[in-house]
Amino acid sequence: MNNKPIIFDTSDGQELRINMISPWLKKYFEEENRNDSRTLKIVKLSLDGDFTCPNRDGSMGSGGCCFCSESGSGDMASGTAEGVRSAMQRQIKLLSDKWPEEKYNLKYMAYFQSHTNTYGPVEKLRSLFEAALEVPDVVGLAIATRSDCISDEALELLDELNRRTFLWLELGLQTIHDETAEAMNLCHSFSDYEDAVKRLNEKNIRIVTHLILGLPGETKEMMMESVSKACETGSIFGMKLHMLNVVRGSQMAVKYPGYIPFESMEDYIDLLIGALEIISPEITMHRISGDAPRRTLIAPEWSYQKRTILNNIHREMKMRNTWQGRLAKSLTHQVL
């Protein structure tokens, strides 16, 4: 356990007790942009590669994961397989209006977000990923997928891309408890995740693990077990802790009417801080809240207040004088 407080360097003097991915990326890419006096920002461009999932197309199941909306997890995504470049350029134009180039040095991560982005012919994967990398100022790829959908051919492609660019692969584990996975219609198991982590670790491909807090039937102890086990299974670069959102158009809204994952924001924040305390400070945090559009959100009704939730998390951690990794079992690398 770590008794000395860890305050992460944000390069602007702000105190941060969580190893958030945005300042980590800025620090990582600062060296190669050191001659540019503008403020460096690394921004993700969310993309829809027109993929599906094996529990949607009938090969393993139908209807998708119980918590997903009809359009999949990428409700914020835009673009299609045929229009990756144009989708990215549209987003870049909007971002340049928000952060003008005379003040900001914008770099981009192409984020293939919707559904399962290694579930398809490797020729299609290559064409989409290469198209994204050809867009100016793109510095890397983030690819969301399932642990049971990484073929040997797809792994070879990922290995090749990883040698050429900054890349991470996002694995939707969600829970280590197979009984919950079955109830949620995930159609994959914890053993699938363990196998994927082993194969990706052998190729030194960065892994970002997704977990969902608040799934029906799971106790606080079960959720903490998922967090702990995910941290201990192989080597992972990052983690996303999602607060479960019940949304319109999902199976959950029908199967679990009236279900509320967390009674209050305070309940969620207390659980989230407990999870952060057992996560190694080496692991980058890519999400620590929910993010559903207000128009589709059913519960928790307050979860759209993302900025308020994040501010309260940081304030509560400071009040408790705690930090990510305070109760972590061990460190294996230097904290960046």
C-alpha atoms as a PDB file:
ATOM      1  CA  MET A   1       0.000   0.000   0.000  1.00  0.00           C
ATOM      2  CA  ASN A   2       1.115   3.543  -0.715  1.00  0.00           C
ATOM      3  CA  ASN A   3       1.214   5.967   2.220  1.00  0.00           C
ATOM      4  CA  LYS A   4       2.654   8.986   0.425  1.00  0.00           C
ATOM      5  CA  PRO A   5       0.064  11.075  -1.465  1.00  0.00           C
ATOM      6  CA  ILE A   6       0.448  10.989  -5.237  1.00  0.00           C
ATOM      7  CA  ILE A   7      -0.364  14.255  -6.961  1.00  0.00           C
ATOM      8  CA  PHE A   8      -0.218  13.880 -10.725  1.00  0.00           C
ATOM      9  CA  ASP A   9       1.504  16.557 -12.804  1.00  0.00           C
ATOM     10  CA  THR A  10      -0.943  18.336 -15.098  1.00  0.00           C
ATOM     11  CA  SER A  11       1.727  20.773 -16.385  1.00  0.00           C
ATOM     12  CA  ASP A  12      -0.488  23.717 -15.403  1.00  0.00           C
ATOM     13  CA  GLY A  13      -0.040  23.476 -11.644  1.00  0.00           C
ATOM     14  CA  GLN A  14      -3.490  22.007 -10.993  1.00  0.00           C
ATOM     15  CA  GLU A  15      -3.677  19.365  -8.271  1.00  0.00           C
ATOM     16  CA  LEU A  16      -4.940  16.049  -9.614  1.00  0.00           C
ATOM     17  CA  ARG A  17      -5.274  12.906  -7.532  1.00  0.00           C
ATOM     18  CA  ILE A  18      -6.324  10.703 -10.446  1.00  0.00           C
ATOM     19  CA  ASN A  19      -4.100   9.673 -13.362  1.00  0.00           C
ATOM     20  CA  MET A  20      -6.482  11.013 -16.018  1.00  0.00           C
ATOM     21  CA  ILE A  21      -5.709  10.242 -19.648  1.00  0.00           C
ATOM     22  CA  SER A  22      -5.922  13.822 -20.994  1.00  0.00           C
ATOM     23  CA  PRO A  23      -2.970  15.257 -19.027  1.00  0.00           C
ATOM     24  CA  TRP A  24      -1.107  11.957 -19.511  1.00  0.00           C
ATOM     25  CA  LEU A  25      -1.427  12.254 -23.307  1.00  0.00           C
ATOM     26  CA  LYS A  26      -0.422  15.907 -23.245  1.00  0.00           C
ATOM     27  CA  LYS A  27       2.705  15.061 -21.307  1.00  0.00           C
ATOM     28  CA  TYR A  28       3.459  12.079 -23.580  1.00  0.00           C
ATOM     29  CA  PHE A  29       3.296  14.162 -26.776  1.00  0.00           C
ATOM     30  CA  GLU A  30       4.800  17.393 -25.408  1.00  0.00           C
ATOM     31  CA  GLU A  31       8.376  16.516 -26.289  1.00  0.00           C
ATOM     32  CA  GLU A  32       7.798  16.241 -30.029  1.00  0.00           C
ATOM     33  CA  ASN A  33       5.804  19.496 -29.943  1.00  0.00           C
ATOM     34  CA  ARG A  34       8.201  21.420 -27.696  1.00  0.00           C
ATOM     35  CA  ASN A  35       9.014  23.999 -30.388  1.00  0.00           C
ATOM     36  CA  ASP A  36       5.358  25.018 -30.742  1.00  0.00           C
ATOM     37  CA  SER A  37       4.400  27.824 -28.343  1.00  0.00           C
ATOM     38  CA  ARG A  38       0.674  27.108 -28.659  1.00  0.00           C
ATOM     39  CA  THR A  39      -1.237  25.066 -26.082  1.00  0.00           C
ATOM     40  CA  LEU A  40      -1.110  21.384 -26.989  1.00  0.00           C
ATOM     41  CA  LYS A  41      -4.428  19.497 -26.896  1.00  0.00           C
ATOM     42  CA  ILE A  42      -4.964  15.834 -27.744  1.00  0.00           C
ATOM     43  CA  VAL A  43      -8.582  15.258 -28.759  1.00  0.00           C
ATOM     44  CA  LYS A  44     -10.438  12.047 -29.577  1.00  0.00           C
ATOM     45  CA  LEU A  45     -12.523  11.974 -32.754  1.00  0.00           C
ATOM     46  CA  SER A  46     -15.372   9.470 -32.255  1.00  0.00           C
ATOM     47  CA  LEU A  47     -16.052   7.314 -35.305  1.00  0.00           C
ATOM     48  CA  ASP A  48     -18.629   4.776 -36.413  1.00  0.00           C
ATOM     49  CA  GLY A  49     -16.979   2.181 -38.659  1.00  0.00           C
ATOM     50  CA  ASP A  50     -20.307   0.522 -39.548  1.00  0.00           C
ATOM     51  CA  PHE A  51     -19.525  -2.618 -37.541  1.00  0.00           C
ATOM     52  CA  THR A  52     -21.911  -4.839 -35.617  1.00  0.00           C
ATOM     53  CA  CYS A  53     -21.457  -7.300 -32.726  1.00  0.00           C
ATOM     54  CA  PRO A  54     -21.724 -11.103 -32.487  1.00  0.00           C
ATOM     55  CA  ASN A  55     -24.559 -10.734 -29.982  1.00  0.00           C
ATOM     56  CA  ARG A  56     -26.459  -8.557 -32.443  1.00  0.00           C
ATOM     57  CA  ASP A  57     -26.004 -10.341 -35.759  1.00  0.00           C
ATOM     58  CA  GLY A  58     -27.133 -13.749 -34.468  1.00  0.00           C
ATOM     59  CA  SER A  59     -23.760 -15.496 -34.536  1.00  0.00           C
ATOM     60  CA  MET A  60     -23.765 -15.661 -30.724  1.00  0.00           C
ATOM     61  CA  GLY A  61     -26.924 -13.839 -29.713  1.00  0.00           C
ATOM     62  CA  SER A  62     -29.359 -11.101 -30.632  1.00  0.00           C
ATOM     63  CA  GLY A  63     -30.443  -7.759 -29.279  1.00  0.00           C
ATOM     64  CA  GLY A  64     -27.007  -6.653 -28.119  1.00  0.00           C
ATOM     65  CA  CYS A  65     -25.876  -6.104 -24.543  1.00  0.00           C
ATOM     66  CA  CYS A  66     -28.782  -5.410 -22.206  1.00  0.00           C
ATOM     67  CA  PHE A  67     -27.542  -1.913 -21.318  1.00  0.00           C
ATOM     68  CA  CYS A  68     -26.764  -0.753 -24.889  1.00  0.00           C
ATOM     69  CA  SER A  69     -29.104   1.489 -26.832  1.00  0.00           C
ATOM     70  CA  GLU A  70     -30.290   0.442 -30.264  1.00  0.00           C
ATOM     71  CA  SER A  71     -27.363   2.250 -31.882  1.00  0.00           C
ATOM     72  CA  GLY A  72     -24.748   0.628 -29.637  1.00  0.00           C
ATOM     73  CA  SER A  73     -22.344   2.240 -27.209  1.00  0.00           C
ATOM     74  CA  GLY A  74     -21.378   5.021 -29.590  1.00  0.00           C
ATOM     75  CA  ASP A  75     -24.353   7.331 -29.336  1.00  0.00           C
ATOM     76  CA  MET A  76     -21.934  10.263 -29.501  1.00  0.00           C
ATOM     77  CA  ALA A  77     -20.179   8.892 -32.591  1.00  0.00           C
ATOM     78  CA  SER A  78     -20.497  10.093 -36.167  1.00  0.00           C
ATOM     79  CA  GLY A  79     -19.372   8.881 -39.569  1.00  0.00           C
ATOM     80  CA  THR A  80     -19.612   5.602 -41.464  1.00  0.00           C
ATOM     81  CA  ALA A  81     -17.191   3.075 -42.904  1.00  0.00           C
ATOM     82  CA  GLU A  82     -17.297   4.903 -46.236  1.00  0.00           C
ATOM     83  CA  GLY A  83     -16.886   8.338 -44.752  1.00  0.00           C
ATOM     84  CA  VAL A  84     -14.189   8.060 -42.078  1.00  0.00           C
ATOM     85  CA  ARG A  85     -12.121  10.916 -43.487  1.00  0.00           C
ATOM     86  CA  SER A  86     -15.092  13.236 -44.008  1.00  0.00           C
ATOM     87  CA  ALA A  87     -16.465  12.424 -40.551  1.00  0.00           C
ATOM     88  CA  MET A  88     -13.115  13.292 -39.036  1.00  0.00           C
ATOM     89  CA  GLN A  89     -12.797  16.498 -41.032  1.00  0.00           C
ATOM     90  CA  ARG A  90     -16.257  17.626 -39.899  1.00  0.00           C
ATOM     91  CA  GLN A  91     -15.298  17.113 -36.281  1.00  0.00           C
ATOM     92  CA  ILE A  92     -11.941  18.812 -36.769  1.00  0.00           C
ATOM     93  CA  LYS A  93     -13.712  21.856 -38.215  1.00  0.00           C
ATOM     94  CA  LEU A  94     -15.965  22.097 -35.166  1.00  0.00           C
ATOM     95  CA  LEU A  95     -13.010  21.715 -32.823  1.00  0.00           C
ATOM     96  CA  SER A  96     -10.987  24.363 -34.631  1.00  0.00           C
ATOM     97  CA  ASP A  97     -13.867  26.785 -34.123  1.00  0.00           C
ATOM     98  CA  LYS A  98     -13.784  25.997 -30.404  1.00  0.00           C
ATOM     99  CA  TRP A  99      -9.992  25.984 -30.114  1.00  0.00           C
ATOM    100  CA  PRO A 100      -8.582  28.304 -32.831  1.00  0.00           C
ATOM    101  CA  GLU A 101      -5.285  27.194 -34.351  1.00  0.00           C
ATOM    102  CA  GLU A 102      -3.522  30.459 -33.536  1.00  0.00           C
ATOM    103  CA  LYS A 103      -3.794  29.527 -29.839  1.00  0.00           C
ATOM    104  CA  TYR A 104      -4.001  25.734 -29.815  1.00  0.00           C
ATOM    105  CA  ASN A 105      -1.888  22.992 -31.318  1.00  0.00           C
ATOM    106  CA  LEU A 106      -4.547  20.329 -31.876  1.00  0.00           C
ATOM    107  CA  LYS A 107      -3.619  16.670 -32.345  1.00  0.00           C
ATOM    108  CA  TYR A 108      -6.113  13.859 -32.707  1.00  0.00           C
ATOM    109  CA  MET A 109      -6.745  10.280 -31.665  1.00  0.00           C
ATOM    110  CA  ALA A 110      -9.067   8.497 -34.099  1.00  0.00           C
ATOM    111  CA  TYR A 111     -11.497   6.645 -31.820  1.00  0.00           C
ATOM    112  CA  PHE A 112     -13.441   3.784 -33.404  1.00  0.00           C
ATOM    113  CA  GLN A 113     -16.177   3.657 -30.803  1.00  0.00           C
ATOM    114  CA  SER A 114     -19.443   2.094 -31.956  1.00  0.00           C
ATOM    115  CA  HIS A 115     -20.025  -1.639 -31.590  1.00  0.00           C
ATOM    116  CA  THR A 116     -17.116  -4.084 -32.109  1.00  0.00           C
ATOM    117  CA  ASN A 117     -14.366  -2.569 -34.223  1.00  0.00           C
ATOM    118  CA  THR A 118     -12.304  -5.700 -34.883  1.00  0.00           C
ATOM    119  CA  TYR A 119     -15.363  -7.761 -35.845  1.00  0.00           C
ATOM    120  CA  GLY A 120     -15.069  -7.901 -39.609  1.00  0.00           C
ATOM    121  CA  PRO A 121     -12.777  -8.839 -42.493  1.00  0.00           C
ATOM    122  CA  VAL A 122      -9.211  -7.725 -41.865  1.00  0.00           C
ATOM    123  CA  GLU A 123      -9.251  -5.936 -45.242  1.00  0.00           C
ATOM    124  CA  LYS A 124     -12.048  -3.696 -43.980  1.00  0.00           C
ATOM    125  CA  LEU A 125     -10.230  -3.066 -40.699  1.00  0.00           C
ATOM    126  CA  ARG A 126      -7.075  -2.079 -42.523  1.00  0.00           C
ATOM    127  CA  SER A 127      -8.837   0.292 -44.912  1.00  0.00           C
ATOM    128  CA  LEU A 128     -10.640   2.117 -42.083  1.00  0.00           C
ATOM    129  CA  PHE A 129      -7.678   2.383 -39.738  1.00  0.00           C
ATOM    130  CA  GLU A 130      -5.314   3.465 -42.516  1.00  0.00           C
ATOM    131  CA  ALA A 131      -7.824   6.073 -43.689  1.00  0.00           C
ATOM    132  CA  ALA A 132      -7.953   7.551 -40.207  1.00  0.00           C
ATOM    133  CA  LEU A 133      -4.171   7.703 -39.905  1.00  0.00           C
ATOM    134  CA  GLU A 134      -3.916   9.578 -43.217  1.00  0.00           C
ATOM    135  CA  VAL A 135      -5.828  12.565 -41.819  1.00  0.00           C
ATOM    136  CA  PRO A 136      -3.387  15.370 -40.896  1.00  0.00           C
ATOM    137  CA  ASP A 137      -2.460  15.741 -37.217  1.00  0.00           C
ATOM    138  CA  VAL A 138      -3.775  12.305 -36.238  1.00  0.00           C
ATOM    139  CA  VAL A 139      -1.261  10.883 -33.763  1.00  0.00           C
ATOM    140  CA  GLY A 140      -2.866   7.563 -32.941  1.00  0.00           C
ATOM    141  CA  LEU A 141      -5.744   5.111 -32.839  1.00  0.00           C
ATOM    142  CA  ALA A 142      -8.138   4.007 -30.096  1.00  0.00           C
ATOM    143  CA  ILE A 143     -10.163   0.938 -31.038  1.00  0.00           C
ATOM    144  CA  ALA A 144     -13.097  -0.389 -29.004  1.00  0.00           C
ATOM    145  CA  THR A 145     -13.827  -4.096 -29.267  1.00  0.00           C
ATOM    146  CA  ARG A 146     -14.720  -7.315 -27.445  1.00  0.00           C
ATOM    147  CA  SER A 147     -12.179  -9.725 -26.055  1.00  0.00           C
ATOM    148  CA  ASP A 148     -13.663 -12.619 -28.050  1.00  0.00           C
ATOM    149  CA  CYS A 149     -13.475 -10.778 -31.374  1.00  0.00           C
ATOM    150  CA  ILE A 150      -9.743 -10.482 -31.991  1.00  0.00           C
ATOM    151  CA  SER A 151      -8.831 -12.967 -34.679  1.00  0.00           C
ATOM    152  CA  ASP A 152      -5.230 -13.924 -35.361  1.00  0.00           C
ATOM    153  CA  GLU A 153      -5.378 -11.844 -38.546  1.00  0.00           C
ATOM    154  CA  ALA A 154      -6.756  -8.838 -36.675  1.00  0.00           C
ATOM    155  CA  LEU A 155      -4.063  -9.219 -34.021  1.00  0.00           C
ATOM    156  CA  GLU A 156      -1.373  -9.197 -36.701  1.00  0.00           C
ATOM    157  CA  LEU A 157      -2.807  -5.978 -38.115  1.00  0.00           C
ATOM    158  CA  LEU A 158      -2.958  -4.390 -34.666  1.00  0.00           C
ATOM    159  CA  ASP A 159       0.633  -5.426 -34.036  1.00  0.00           C
ATOM    160  CA  GLU A 160       1.700  -3.782 -37.301  1.00  0.00           C
ATOM    161  CA  LEU A 161      -0.199  -0.562 -36.514  1.00  0.00           C
ATOM    162  CA  ASN A 162       1.138  -0.500 -32.962  1.00  0.00           C
ATOM    163  CA  ARG A 163       4.688  -0.434 -34.305  1.00  0.00           C
ATOM    164  CA  ARG A 164       3.854   2.598 -36.479  1.00  0.00           C
ATOM    165  CA  THR A 165       1.601   4.747 -34.315  1.00  0.00           C
ATOM    166  CA  PHE A 166       0.340   5.299 -30.786  1.00  0.00           C
ATOM    167  CA  LEU A 167      -2.429   2.747 -30.279  1.00  0.00           C
ATOM    168  CA  TRP A 168      -4.607   1.317 -27.581  1.00  0.00           C
ATOM    169  CA  LEU A 169      -7.325  -1.323 -27.725  1.00  0.00           C
ATOM    170  CA  GLU A 170     -10.408  -0.982 -25.526  1.00  0.00           C
ATOM    171  CA  LEU A 171     -11.873  -4.230 -24.175  1.00  0.00           C
ATOM    172  CA  GLY A 172     -15.463  -4.206 -22.927  1.00  0.00           C
ATOM    173  CA  LEU A 173     -15.108  -6.537 -19.946  1.00  0.00           C
ATOM    174  CA  GLN A 174     -17.843  -4.774 -17.886  1.00  0.00           C
ATOM    175  CA  THR A 175     -17.765  -7.402 -15.081  1.00  0.00           C
ATOM    176  CA  ILE A 176     -15.674 -10.411 -14.082  1.00  0.00           C
ATOM    177  CA  HIS A 177     -18.801 -12.226 -12.884  1.00  0.00           C
ATOM    178  CA  ASP A 178     -20.047 -14.581 -15.576  1.00  0.00           C
ATOM    179  CA  GLU A 179     -23.524 -14.802 -14.043  1.00  0.00           C
ATOM    180  CA  THR A 180     -23.893 -11.036 -14.485  1.00  0.00           C
ATOM    181  CA  ALA A 181     -22.452 -11.228 -17.994  1.00  0.00           C
ATOM    182  CA  GLU A 182     -25.059 -13.849 -18.900  1.00  0.00           C
ATOM    183  CA  ALA A 183     -27.895 -11.774 -17.443  1.00  0.00           C
ATOM    184  CA  MET A 184     -26.655  -8.756 -19.423  1.00  0.00           C
ATOM    185  CA  ASN A 185     -26.468 -10.808 -22.663  1.00  0.00           C
ATOM    186  CA  LEU A 186     -22.770 -10.029 -23.125  1.00  0.00           C
ATOM    187  CA  CYS A 187     -22.166 -13.403 -24.797  1.00  0.00           C
ATOM    188  CA  HIS A 188     -18.562 -13.487 -23.601  1.00  0.00           C
ATOM    189  CA  SER A 189     -16.841 -14.537 -20.391  1.00  0.00           C
ATOM    190  CA  PHE A 190     -14.032 -13.495 -18.089  1.00  0.00           C
ATOM    191  CA  SER A 191     -11.888 -16.301 -19.525  1.00  0.00           C
ATOM    192  CA  ASP A 192     -12.257 -14.666 -22.970  1.00  0.00           C
ATOM    193  CA  TYR A 193     -10.895 -11.465 -21.445  1.00  0.00           C
ATOM    194  CA  GLU A 194      -7.980 -13.261 -19.788  1.00  0.00           C
ATOM    195  CA  ASP A 195      -7.028 -14.865 -23.109  1.00  0.00           C
ATOM    196  CA  ALA A 196      -7.235 -11.547 -24.991  1.00  0.00           C
ATOM    197  CA  VAL A 197      -5.090  -9.745 -22.416  1.00  0.00           C
ATOM    198  CA  LYS A 198      -2.450 -12.472 -22.658  1.00  0.00           C
ATOM    199  CA  ARG A 199      -2.328 -12.270 -26.466  1.00  0.00           C
ATOM    200  CA  LEU A 200      -2.239  -8.461 -26.514  1.00  0.00           C
ATOM    201  CA  ASN A 201       0.412  -8.293 -23.783  1.00  0.00           C
ATOM    202  CA  GLU A 202       2.619 -10.587 -25.880  1.00  0.00           C
ATOM    203  CA  LYS A 203       2.444  -7.964 -28.656  1.00  0.00           C
ATOM    204  CA  ASN A 204       2.943  -5.015 -26.247  1.00  0.00           C
ATOM    205  CA  ILE A 205      -0.378  -3.531 -27.366  1.00  0.00           C
ATOM    206  CA  ARG A 206      -1.871  -1.113 -24.838  1.00  0.00           C
ATOM    207  CA  ILE A 207      -5.147  -2.252 -23.274  1.00  0.00           C
ATOM    208  CA  VAL A 208      -7.912  -0.076 -21.838  1.00  0.00           C
ATOM    209  CA  THR A 209     -10.405  -2.132 -19.827  1.00  0.00           C
ATOM    210  CA  HIS A 210     -14.066  -1.126 -19.506  1.00  0.00           C
ATOM    211  CA  LEU A 211     -16.039  -1.912 -16.349  1.00  0.00           C
ATOM    212  CA  ILE A 212     -19.602  -0.914 -15.506  1.00  0.00           C
ATOM    213  CA  LEU A 213     -20.555  -0.004 -11.952  1.00  0.00           C
ATOM    214  CA  GLY A 214     -24.153  -0.549 -10.896  1.00  0.00           C
ATOM    215  CA  LEU A 215     -25.162  -3.613 -12.924  1.00  0.00           C
ATOM    216  CA  PRO A 216     -28.312  -5.335 -11.589  1.00  0.00           C
ATOM    217  CA  GLY A 217     -27.618  -7.948  -8.942  1.00  0.00           C
ATOM    218  CA  GLU A 218     -24.081  -6.824  -8.196  1.00  0.00           C
ATOM    219  CA  THR A 219     -23.090  -5.813  -4.686  1.00  0.00           C
ATOM    220  CA  LYS A 220     -20.392  -3.299  -3.842  1.00  0.00           C
ATOM    221  CA  GLU A 221     -18.109  -6.229  -3.041  1.00  0.00           C
ATOM    222  CA  MET A 222     -18.694  -7.778  -6.468  1.00  0.00           C
ATOM    223  CA  MET A 223     -17.918  -4.488  -8.215  1.00  0.00           C
ATOM    224  CA  MET A 224     -14.728  -4.026  -6.219  1.00  0.00           C
ATOM    225  CA  GLU A 225     -13.753  -7.596  -7.100  1.00  0.00           C
ATOM    226  CA  SER A 226     -14.138  -6.768 -10.803  1.00  0.00           C
ATOM    227  CA  VAL A 227     -11.922  -3.699 -10.411  1.00  0.00           C
ATOM    228  CA  SER A 228      -9.281  -5.596  -8.454  1.00  0.00           C
ATOM    229  CA  LYS A 229      -9.229  -8.589 -10.797  1.00  0.00           C
ATOM    230  CA  ALA A 230      -9.043  -6.407 -13.908  1.00  0.00           C
ATOM    231  CA  CYS A 231      -6.003  -4.667 -12.451  1.00  0.00           C
ATOM    232  CA  GLU A 232      -4.324  -7.985 -11.687  1.00  0.00           C
ATOM    233  CA  THR A 233      -5.011  -9.743 -14.989  1.00  0.00           C
ATOM    234  CA  GLY A 234      -1.966  -9.104 -17.137  1.00  0.00           C
ATOM    235  CA  SER A 235      -0.774  -5.571 -17.801  1.00  0.00           C
ATOM    236  CA  ILE A 236      -3.268  -2.847 -18.710  1.00  0.00           C
ATOM    237  CA  PHE A 237      -2.584   0.711 -19.789  1.00  0.00           C
ATOM    238  CA  GLY A 238      -5.911   2.234 -18.877  1.00  0.00           C
ATOM    239  CA  MET A 239      -9.358   1.738 -17.429  1.00  0.00           C
ATOM    240  CA  LYS A 240     -12.839   3.133 -17.950  1.00  0.00           C
ATOM    241  CA  LEU A 241     -15.249   3.014 -15.032  1.00  0.00           C
ATOM    242  CA  HIS A 242     -18.738   3.594 -16.397  1.00  0.00           C
ATOM    243  CA  MET A 243     -21.646   4.464 -14.186  1.00  0.00           C
ATOM    244  CA  LEU A 244     -24.513   2.341 -15.506  1.00  0.00           C
ATOM    245  CA  ASN A 245     -27.037   4.469 -17.364  1.00  0.00           C
ATOM    246  CA  VAL A 246     -30.467   3.028 -18.097  1.00  0.00           C
ATOM    247  CA  VAL A 247     -31.411   4.454 -21.488  1.00  0.00           C
ATOM    248  CA  ARG A 248     -34.444   4.386 -23.733  1.00  0.00           C
ATOM    249  CA  GLY A 249     -34.270   1.784 -26.484  1.00  0.00           C
ATOM    250  CA  SER A 250     -32.225  -0.656 -24.371  1.00  0.00           C
ATOM    251  CA  GLN A 251     -33.282  -4.131 -23.278  1.00  0.00           C
ATOM    252  CA  MET A 252     -32.612  -3.051 -19.711  1.00  0.00           C
ATOM    253  CA  ALA A 253     -35.326  -0.426 -19.863  1.00  0.00           C
ATOM    254  CA  VAL A 254     -37.790  -3.235 -20.652  1.00  0.00           C
ATOM    255  CA  LYS A 255     -36.396  -6.056 -18.500  1.00  0.00           C
ATOM    256  CA  TYR A 256     -35.615  -3.940 -15.428  1.00  0.00           C
ATOM    257  CA  PRO A 257     -38.363  -1.296 -15.317  1.00  0.00           C
ATOM    258  CA  GLY A 258     -37.811   1.182 -12.527  1.00  0.00           C
ATOM    259  CA  TYR A 259     -34.250   0.026 -11.868  1.00  0.00           C
ATOM    260  CA  ILE A 260     -32.032   2.787 -10.471  1.00  0.00           C
ATOM    261  CA  PRO A 261     -28.308   1.913 -10.378  1.00  0.00           C
ATOM    262  CA  PHE A 262     -27.446   4.502  -7.703  1.00  0.00           C
ATOM    263  CA  GLU A 263     -29.876   6.299  -5.422  1.00  0.00           C
ATOM    264  CA  SER A 264     -27.755   9.431  -5.242  1.00  0.00           C
ATOM    265  CA  MET A 265     -24.701  11.086  -6.707  1.00  0.00           C
ATOM    266  CA  GLU A 266     -23.042  10.777  -3.306  1.00  0.00           C
ATOM    267  CA  ASP A 267     -23.529   6.992  -3.329  1.00  0.00           C
ATOM    268  CA  TYR A 268     -21.845   6.722  -6.712  1.00  0.00           C
ATOM    269  CA  ILE A 269     -18.963   9.013  -5.765  1.00  0.00           C
ATOM    270  CA  ASP A 270     -18.301   7.020  -2.596  1.00  0.00           C
ATOM    271  CA  LEU A 271     -18.146   3.759  -4.572  1.00  0.00           C
ATOM    272  CA  LEU A 272     -16.038   5.317  -7.329  1.00  0.00           C
ATOM    273  CA  ILE A 273     -13.453   6.673  -4.892  1.00  0.00           C
ATOM    274  CA  GLY A 274     -13.213   3.247  -3.271  1.00  0.00           C
ATOM    275  CA  ALA A 275     -12.504   1.752  -6.685  1.00  0.00           C
ATOM    276  CA  LEU A 276      -9.876   4.376  -7.534  1.00  0.00           C
ATOM    277  CA  GLU A 277      -8.056   3.713  -4.292  1.00  0.00           C
ATOM    278  CA  ILE A 278      -7.315   0.106  -5.303  1.00  0.00           C
ATOM    279  CA  ILE A 279      -6.303   0.921  -8.895  1.00  0.00           C
ATOM    280  CA  SER A 280      -2.557   1.306  -9.440  1.00  0.00           C
ATOM    281  CA  PRO A 281      -1.571   4.946 -10.076  1.00  0.00           C
ATOM    282  CA  GLU A 282       0.251   3.701 -13.194  1.00  0.00           C
ATOM    283  CA  ILE A 283      -3.081   2.938 -14.861  1.00  0.00           C
ATOM    284  CA  THR A 284      -4.535   5.842 -16.831  1.00  0.00           C
ATOM    285  CA  MET A 285      -8.193   6.597 -16.168  1.00  0.00           C
ATOM    286  CA  HIS A 286     -10.209   7.264 -19.318  1.00  0.00           C
ATOM    287  CA  ARG A 287     -13.640   7.588 -17.731  1.00  0.00           C
ATOM    288  CA  ILE A 288     -14.961   7.804 -14.174  1.00  0.00           C
ATOM    289  CA  SER A 289     -18.634   8.664 -14.744  1.00  0.00           C
ATOM    290  CA  GLY A 290     -21.539   8.037 -17.102  1.00  0.00           C
ATOM    291  CA  ASP A 291     -22.185   9.783 -20.385  1.00  0.00           C
ATOM    292  CA  ALA A 292     -25.658   9.255 -21.851  1.00  0.00           C
ATOM    293  CA  PRO A 293     -27.531  11.943 -23.806  1.00  0.00           C
ATOM    294  CA  ARG A 294     -30.145  13.546 -21.580  1.00  0.00           C
ATOM    295  CA  ARG A 295     -32.874  12.916 -24.155  1.00  0.00           C
ATOM    296  CA  THR A 296     -32.418   9.125 -23.858  1.00  0.00           C
ATOM    297  CA  LEU A 297     -31.515   8.901 -20.160  1.00  0.00           C
ATOM    298  CA  ILE A 298     -33.903   7.167 -17.765  1.00  0.00           C
ATOM    299  CA  ALA A 299     -31.763   6.597 -14.664  1.00  0.00           C
ATOM    300  CA  PRO A 300     -29.953   7.829 -12.702  1.00  0.00           C
ATOM    301  CA  GLU A 301     -31.724  11.039 -13.624  1.00  0.00           C
ATOM    302  CA  TRP A 302     -28.763  13.158 -12.472  1.00  0.00           C
ATOM    303  CA  SER A 303     -26.013  11.294 -14.353  1.00  0.00           C
ATOM    304  CA  TYR A 304     -26.020  13.739 -17.274  1.00  0.00           C
ATOM    305  CA  GLN A 305     -24.443  16.301 -14.917  1.00  0.00           C
ATOM    306  CA  LYS A 306     -20.978  15.150 -15.896  1.00  0.00           C
ATOM    307  CA  ARG A 307     -19.054  18.256 -14.884  1.00  0.00           C
ATOM    308  CA  THR A 308     -20.744  18.377 -11.475  1.00  0.00           C
ATOM    309  CA  ILE A 309     -19.992  14.693 -10.861  1.00  0.00           C
ATOM    310  CA  LEU A 310     -16.334  15.089 -11.827  1.00  0.00           C
ATOM    311  CA  ASN A 311     -15.875  18.238  -9.763  1.00  0.00           C
ATOM    312  CA  ASN A 312     -17.437  16.544  -6.746  1.00  0.00           C
ATOM    313  CA  ILE A 313     -15.190  13.483  -7.161  1.00  0.00           C
ATOM    314  CA  HIS A 314     -12.036  15.612  -7.192  1.00  0.00           C
ATOM    315  CA  ARG A 315     -13.252  17.740  -4.277  1.00  0.00           C
ATOM    316  CA  GLU A 316     -14.200  14.702  -2.184  1.00  0.00           C
ATOM    317  CA  MET A 317     -10.853  13.014  -2.817  1.00  0.00           C
ATOM    318  CA  LYS A 318      -9.055  16.129  -1.632  1.00  0.00           C
ATOM    319  CA  MET A 319     -11.261  16.369   1.462  1.00  0.00           C
ATOM    320  CA  ARG A 320     -10.535  12.721   2.315  1.00  0.00           C
ATOM    321  CA  ASN A 321      -6.849  13.199   1.490  1.00  0.00           C
ATOM    322  CA  THR A 322      -6.944  10.130  -0.710  1.00  0.00           C
ATOM    323  CA  TRP A 323      -5.727   9.371  -4.231  1.00  0.00           C
ATOM    324  CA  GLN A 324      -5.714   6.772  -6.987  1.00  0.00           C
ATOM    325  CA  GLY A 325      -3.670   3.822  -5.822  1.00  0.00           C
ATOM    326  CA  ARG A 326      -3.670   4.654  -2.100  1.00  0.00           C
ATOM    327  CA  LEU A 327      -4.662   1.059  -1.329  1.00  0.00           C
ATOM    328  CA  ALA A 328      -3.183  -0.586  -4.425  1.00  0.00           C
ATOM    329  CA  LYS A 329      -1.237  -3.770  -3.736  1.00  0.00           C
ATOM    330  CA  SER A 330       1.923  -2.886  -5.628  1.00  0.00           C
ATOM    331  CA  LEU A 331       3.613  -0.714  -8.224  1.00  0.00           C
ATOM    332  CA  THR A 332       5.479  -2.249 -11.132  1.00  0.00           C
ATOM    333  CA  HIS A 333       6.531   0.786 -13.152  1.00  0.00           C
ATOM    334  CA  GLN A 334       7.430   4.400 -12.555  1.00  0.00           C
ATOM    335  CA  VAL A 335       4.420   6.692 -12.398  1.00  0.00           C
ATOM    336  CA  LEU A 336       4.482   9.038 -15.390  1.00  0.00           C
END
